[in-house]
């Protein structure tokens, strides 16, 4: 439960950072941060699914 909440916060912060990199023109940072954000959001969605429904 606590890890899922932490992952949601980290996902939001990583997405926010990727968007900041895009706004400031940092293309390599946007690409690397965007890939990290997408991966982290995917893992977070799987964790939320596991918390609510359960993977068996």
Protein backbone atom coordinates (compact mmCIF):
# COMPACT_ATOMS: atom_id res chain seq x y z
CA UNK A 1 0.00 0.00 0.00
CA UNK A 2 2.65 2.53 1.04
CA UNK A 3 4.91 1.63 -1.87
CA UNK A 4 2.07 2.25 -4.33
CA UNK A 5 1.48 5.71 -2.90
CA UNK A 6 5.19 6.49 -3.14
CA UNK A 7 5.24 5.24 -6.74
CA UNK A 8 2.30 7.51 -7.62
CA UNK A 9 4.16 10.52 -6.18
CA UNK A 10 7.41 9.62 -7.96
CA UNK A 11 5.52 9.10 -11.24
CA UNK A 12 3.94 12.54 -10.95
CA UNK A 13 7.29 14.15 -10.19
CA UNK A 14 9.04 12.38 -13.07
CA UNK A 15 6.30 13.44 -15.51
CA UNK A 16 6.53 17.00 -14.20
CA UNK A 17 10.31 16.93 -14.69
CA UNK A 18 10.00 15.63 -18.24
CA UNK A 19 7.56 18.41 -19.09
CA UNK A 20 9.91 20.96 -17.52
CA UNK A 21 12.75 19.65 -19.70
CA UNK A 22 10.54 20.05 -22.76
CA UNK A 23 9.57 23.59 -21.78
CA UNK A 24 13.18 24.66 -21.22
CA UNK A 25 14.40 23.09 -24.46
CA UNK A 26 16.47 20.31 -22.90
CA UNK A 27 15.82 17.68 -25.60
CA UNK A 28 18.11 14.90 -24.28
CA UNK A 29 16.68 15.37 -20.79
CA UNK A 30 13.15 15.29 -22.19
CA UNK A 31 13.78 12.06 -24.10
CA UNK A 32 15.50 10.27 -21.22
CA UNK A 33 13.07 11.65 -18.65
CA UNK A 34 10.10 10.86 -20.87
CA UNK A 35 11.16 7.24 -21.28
CA UNK A 36 11.72 6.97 -17.53
CA UNK A 37 8.32 8.53 -16.89
CA UNK A 38 6.50 6.20 -19.26
CA UNK A 39 8.16 3.15 -17.75
CA UNK A 40 7.47 4.30 -14.21
CA UNK A 41 3.85 5.13 -14.98
CA UNK A 42 3.40 1.67 -16.51
CA UNK A 43 4.84 -0.04 -13.44
CA UNK A 44 2.70 2.17 -11.20
CA UNK A 45 -0.45 1.21 -13.11
CA UNK A 46 0.43 -2.47 -12.68
CA UNK A 47 0.96 -1.88 -8.94
CA UNK A 48 -2.41 -0.13 -8.65
CA UNK A 49 -4.08 -2.97 -10.53
CA UNK A 50 -2.44 -5.46 -8.18
CA UNK A 51 -3.63 -3.51 -5.12
CA UNK A 52 -7.23 -3.23 -6.33
CA UNK A 53 -7.86 -6.49 -8.18
CA UNK A 54 -4.85 -8.68 -7.55
CA UNK A 55 -2.61 -10.58 -9.94
CA UNK A 56 -2.88 -14.31 -9.42
